[in-house]
Amino acid sequence: MKGLTTMPKLEDKVAVITGGTSGMALATAKLFVEEGAYVFITGRRQKQLDDAVKAIGRNVTGVQGDVANLGDLDRLYETVRREKGKIDVLFASAGTGDFAPIGEVTEEQFDRTFGVNVRGTLFTVQKALPLFNDGGSIIMNGSIAGSKGFPAFGVYSASKAAVRSFARTWTLDLKHRGIRVNVLSPGTIDTPILEGVPKEAIDQFVALIPRGTMGRPEEIATAALFLASSDSSFVTGSELFVDGGVAQI
């Protein structure tokens, strides 16, 4: 009917998005704001963080920090507590990864990858809980690499498999509060992280996609919105693949 307006899906919600300065997470932050949320984003580099805040334009606070640093996480959540006093949605998106075959994996690489992807995700969620509203939504950034094997990507893949396992456990840990926990697992997405990757490698990834093209950040954002909103009220403990079919065939 003419004249009807659709209620924003995240009206009056407060969302925290880590690693929100570019790509999928930035697109998600923009969409969450469009859908009525106030968003806190984090990033390690102040200039990129400032640029992201400017790109989002309104209803956003940027907090510089590294999710692998527990002091930075404490400062993030103190800012959220002081400014808004609650969290309804958390998108633990910050992550890192490098290619290295098993014979070339270094201690530094392992510690960095697991420090951000596993340890960082754990404490990002744990430290958010005192501010979390019952009935809220936690989304963790996974990857098709957690379910499929890719040459020289073992450490990253193992870290994302750990994130998938967290969702199963935390769904049970938090069920008494009605907090849903899900994993959003992208395939190959056209983001700045691909800069510097050889074209031959990108072509190989694209060749695996049944759709025939890479995904766009906005396609991840709409999936994140689904998991953040009441549209997914009966979805918890799950892994949502947004990958053009790569991990499904």
Protein backbone atom coordinates (compact mmCIF):
# COMPACT_ATOMS: atom_id res chain seq x y z
CA MET A 1 0.00 0.00 0.00
CA LYS A 2 1.19 3.50 -0.79
CA GLY A 3 2.30 5.59 2.13
CA LEU A 4 3.50 2.69 4.24
CA THR A 5 7.03 2.93 5.58
CA THR A 6 9.18 0.05 6.71
CA MET A 7 10.51 0.17 10.24
CA PRO A 8 14.31 0.11 10.32
CA LYS A 9 15.52 -3.34 11.34
CA LEU A 10 17.93 -2.04 14.02
CA GLU A 11 15.99 0.93 15.35
CA ASP A 12 17.54 2.21 18.62
CA LYS A 13 20.06 -0.65 18.71
CA VAL A 14 23.71 -0.25 19.65
CA ALA A 15 26.21 -2.23 17.63
CA VAL A 16 29.95 -2.80 18.01
CA ILE A 17 31.96 -3.80 14.94
CA THR A 18 35.65 -4.60 15.32
CA GLY A 19 37.99 -4.13 12.37
CA GLY A 20 35.40 -1.78 10.92
CA THR A 21 37.61 0.51 8.87
CA SER A 22 37.34 -1.10 5.43
CA GLY A 23 35.79 -3.79 3.28
CA MET A 24 33.04 -6.01 4.63
CA ALA A 25 32.97 -4.56 8.13
CA LEU A 26 32.79 -0.96 6.91
CA ALA A 27 29.95 -1.85 4.54
CA THR A 28 28.19 -3.52 7.47
CA ALA A 29 28.64 -0.48 9.70
CA LYS A 30 27.13 1.75 7.01
CA LEU A 31 24.13 -0.54 6.58
CA PHE A 32 23.56 -0.87 10.33
CA VAL A 33 23.44 2.91 10.64
CA GLU A 34 21.02 3.13 7.70
CA GLU A 35 18.85 0.61 9.56
CA GLY A 36 18.68 2.71 12.71
CA ALA A 37 21.64 1.56 14.82
CA TYR A 38 24.31 3.56 16.58
CA VAL A 39 27.63 1.91 15.74
CA PHE A 40 31.01 1.77 17.45
CA ILE A 41 33.83 0.70 15.13
CA THR A 42 37.44 -0.15 15.89
CA GLY A 43 40.63 -0.15 13.87
CA ARG A 44 44.33 -0.24 14.57
CA ARG A 45 45.28 2.77 12.42
CA GLN A 46 43.91 6.14 13.47
CA LYS A 47 43.80 7.69 9.97
CA GLN A 48 41.88 4.76 8.50
CA LEU A 49 39.56 4.87 11.49
CA ASP A 50 38.95 8.60 11.00
CA ASP A 51 38.28 8.05 7.29
CA ALA A 52 35.80 5.28 8.07
CA VAL A 53 33.93 7.42 10.60
CA LYS A 54 33.72 10.17 8.00
CA ALA A 55 32.46 7.70 5.37
CA ILE A 56 29.74 6.42 7.70
CA GLY A 57 28.80 10.01 8.44
CA ARG A 58 26.51 9.83 11.46
CA ASN A 59 25.60 7.76 14.51
CA VAL A 60 29.12 6.36 14.79
CA THR A 61 32.04 6.46 17.20
CA GLY A 62 35.51 5.26 16.25
CA VAL A 63 37.76 3.76 18.93
CA GLN A 64 41.37 3.08 17.98
CA GLY A 65 42.67 -0.27 19.17
CA ASP A 66 43.85 -3.82 18.49
CA VAL A 67 41.58 -6.71 19.50
CA ALA A 68 44.67 -8.71 20.48
CA ASN A 69 45.36 -6.09 23.17
CA LEU A 70 43.08 -6.60 26.16
CA GLY A 71 43.70 -3.06 27.39
CA ASP A 72 42.41 -1.73 24.06
CA LEU A 73 39.30 -3.87 24.42
CA ASP A 74 38.72 -2.51 27.92
CA ARG A 75 38.99 1.02 26.55
CA LEU A 76 36.54 0.20 23.76
CA TYR A 77 33.90 -1.09 26.10
CA GLU A 78 34.42 1.72 28.59
CA THR A 79 33.68 4.11 25.71
CA VAL A 80 30.53 2.17 24.83
CA ARG A 81 29.45 2.12 28.50
CA ARG A 82 30.02 5.85 28.89
CA GLU A 83 28.31 6.89 25.63
CA LYS A 84 25.45 4.39 25.29
CA GLY A 85 25.46 2.05 28.27
CA LYS A 86 24.48 -1.08 26.36
CA ILE A 87 25.22 -3.38 23.42
CA ASP A 88 22.59 -5.12 21.30
CA VAL A 89 24.75 -6.42 18.45
CA LEU A 90 28.40 -7.38 18.29
CA PHE A 91 30.14 -8.18 14.99
CA ALA A 92 33.58 -9.55 15.89
CA SER A 93 35.02 -8.95 12.44
CA ALA A 94 38.70 -8.17 13.02
CA GLY A 95 40.97 -10.82 11.57
CA THR A 96 44.29 -11.49 9.90
CA GLY A 97 46.01 -14.23 7.93
CA ASP A 98 49.02 -15.05 5.76
CA PHE A 99 49.86 -17.72 3.24
CA ALA A 100 52.63 -20.13 4.29
CA PRO A 101 53.04 -23.85 3.60
CA ILE A 102 53.52 -26.02 6.66
CA GLY A 103 57.30 -26.10 6.28
CA GLU A 104 57.51 -22.31 6.35
CA VAL A 105 55.09 -21.43 9.16
CA THR A 106 56.86 -19.33 11.79
CA GLU A 107 56.12 -18.94 15.46
CA GLU A 108 55.49 -15.25 14.89
CA GLN A 109 52.95 -15.95 12.14
CA PHE A 110 51.11 -18.52 14.23
CA ASP A 111 50.98 -16.27 17.29
CA ARG A 112 49.81 -13.27 15.27
CA THR A 113 47.04 -15.18 13.49
CA PHE A 114 45.71 -16.98 16.54
CA GLY A 115 46.26 -13.88 18.69
CA VAL A 116 43.85 -11.85 16.56
CA ASN A 117 41.45 -14.44 15.15
CA VAL A 118 41.02 -16.71 18.19
CA ARG A 119 42.27 -14.96 21.32
CA GLY A 120 41.04 -11.59 20.08
CA THR A 121 37.61 -12.94 19.22
CA LEU A 122 37.29 -14.69 22.58
CA PHE A 123 38.02 -11.59 24.63
CA THR A 124 36.10 -9.29 22.29
CA VAL A 125 33.00 -11.34 23.13
CA GLN A 126 33.79 -11.98 26.78
CA LYS A 127 34.42 -8.34 27.62
CA ALA A 128 31.24 -7.24 25.83
CA LEU A 129 28.94 -9.44 27.91
CA PRO A 130 28.47 -7.14 30.93
CA LEU A 131 27.02 -4.50 28.59
CA PHE A 132 25.01 -6.90 26.44
CA ASN A 133 21.24 -6.74 26.46
CA ASP A 134 19.53 -10.08 26.86
CA GLY A 135 18.18 -11.20 23.50
CA GLY A 136 21.07 -9.63 21.61
CA SER A 137 23.06 -11.01 18.71
CA ILE A 138 26.75 -11.93 18.47
CA ILE A 139 28.17 -12.43 14.98
CA MET A 140 31.69 -13.71 14.45
CA ASN A 141 33.62 -13.43 11.22
CA GLY A 142 34.47 -16.89 9.94
CA SER A 143 35.64 -18.03 6.51
CA ILE A 144 35.14 -20.78 3.99
CA ALA A 145 38.76 -21.62 4.87
CA GLY A 146 37.49 -23.02 8.16
CA SER A 147 35.66 -25.75 6.24
CA LYS A 148 37.76 -26.27 3.11
CA GLY A 149 41.41 -26.91 2.52
CA PHE A 150 43.51 -24.35 0.65
CA PRO A 151 47.24 -24.80 0.04
CA ALA A 152 49.53 -22.84 2.38
CA PHE A 153 46.57 -21.47 4.38
CA GLY A 154 46.58 -23.94 7.27
CA VAL A 155 47.11 -21.58 10.20
CA TYR A 156 44.41 -19.17 9.09
CA SER A 157 42.03 -22.04 8.32
CA ALA A 158 42.58 -23.57 11.75
CA SER A 159 41.91 -20.23 13.44
CA LYS A 160 38.58 -19.88 11.65
CA ALA A 161 37.62 -23.46 12.53
CA ALA A 162 38.20 -22.47 16.16
CA VAL A 163 35.84 -19.52 15.75
CA ARG A 164 33.19 -21.88 14.39
CA SER A 165 33.63 -24.07 17.46
CA PHE A 166 33.23 -21.05 19.75
CA ALA A 167 29.77 -20.40 18.29
CA ARG A 168 28.57 -23.87 19.26
CA THR A 169 29.82 -23.60 22.82
CA TRP A 170 28.79 -20.01 23.44
CA THR A 171 25.29 -20.64 22.14
CA LEU A 172 24.88 -22.99 25.09
CA ASP A 173 26.75 -20.75 27.53
CA LEU A 174 24.49 -17.79 26.71
CA LYS A 175 21.15 -19.45 26.08
CA HIS A 176 19.83 -18.38 29.49
CA ARG A 177 20.20 -14.77 28.36
CA GLY A 178 18.67 -15.32 24.94
CA ILE A 179 21.84 -14.07 23.23
CA ARG A 180 22.23 -15.65 19.81
CA VAL A 181 25.71 -16.54 18.53
CA ASN A 182 26.38 -17.16 14.85
CA VAL A 183 29.28 -17.24 12.42
CA LEU A 184 29.22 -15.37 9.12
CA SER A 185 31.64 -17.07 6.72
CA PRO A 186 32.51 -15.16 3.55
CA GLY A 187 34.07 -16.56 0.44
CA THR A 188 36.28 -14.47 -1.84
CA ILE A 189 35.10 -10.87 -1.49
CA ASP A 190 36.36 -7.91 -3.51
CA THR A 191 37.93 -5.87 -0.71
CA PRO A 192 41.19 -3.94 -0.20
CA ILE A 193 42.71 -7.01 1.48
CA LEU A 194 43.21 -8.45 -2.01
CA GLU A 195 45.55 -5.62 -2.95
CA GLY A 196 48.97 -7.10 -3.52
CA VAL A 197 47.66 -10.62 -4.08
CA PRO A 198 48.93 -11.88 -7.46
CA LYS A 199 46.30 -11.82 -10.20
CA GLU A 200 46.94 -15.51 -10.87
CA ALA A 201 45.98 -16.37 -7.28
CA ILE A 202 42.82 -14.26 -7.45
CA ASP A 203 41.86 -15.88 -10.75
CA GLN A 204 42.24 -19.31 -9.14
CA PHE A 205 39.90 -18.31 -6.31
CA VAL A 206 37.33 -16.87 -8.71
CA ALA A 207 37.45 -20.06 -10.79
CA LEU A 208 36.18 -21.97 -7.76
CA ILE A 209 33.06 -19.82 -7.39
CA PRO A 210 29.98 -21.34 -9.03
CA ARG A 211 28.54 -17.85 -9.50
CA GLY A 212 31.65 -16.92 -11.46
CA THR A 213 32.36 -13.60 -9.73
CA MET A 214 33.69 -12.46 -6.40
CA GLY A 215 31.30 -11.26 -3.75
CA ARG A 216 30.84 -7.61 -2.86
CA PRO A 217 31.18 -6.16 0.66
CA GLU A 218 27.53 -5.12 0.52
CA GLU A 219 26.51 -8.77 0.10
CA ILE A 220 28.22 -9.57 3.38
CA ALA A 221 26.60 -6.56 5.02
CA THR A 222 23.07 -7.68 4.17
CA ALA A 223 23.82 -11.14 5.58
CA ALA A 224 25.17 -9.55 8.75
CA LEU A 225 22.00 -7.46 9.01
CA PHE A 226 19.92 -10.63 8.81
CA LEU A 227 21.89 -12.19 11.69
CA ALA A 228 21.80 -8.96 13.72
CA SER A 229 18.06 -8.38 13.42
CA SER A 230 14.94 -10.17 14.60
CA ASP A 231 14.63 -11.63 11.09
CA SER A 232 16.97 -14.39 12.35
CA SER A 233 15.31 -14.85 15.74
CA PHE A 234 15.32 -18.67 15.35
CA VAL A 235 18.92 -18.84 14.12
CA THR A 236 21.68 -19.50 16.62
CA GLY A 237 24.79 -21.65 16.80
CA SER A 238 24.91 -21.65 13.02
CA GLU A 239 27.37 -20.82 10.27
CA LEU A 240 26.03 -18.77 7.40
CA PHE A 241 28.13 -19.13 4.26
CA VAL A 242 28.10 -16.15 1.92
CA ASP A 243 30.45 -17.53 -0.66
CA GLY A 244 28.75 -17.92 -4.02
CA GLY A 245 28.55 -21.65 -3.37
CA VAL A 246 32.26 -22.46 -2.94
CA ALA A 247 31.97 -24.35 0.34
CA GLN A 248 28.71 -26.02 -0.61
CA ILE A 249 29.74 -28.16 -3.57
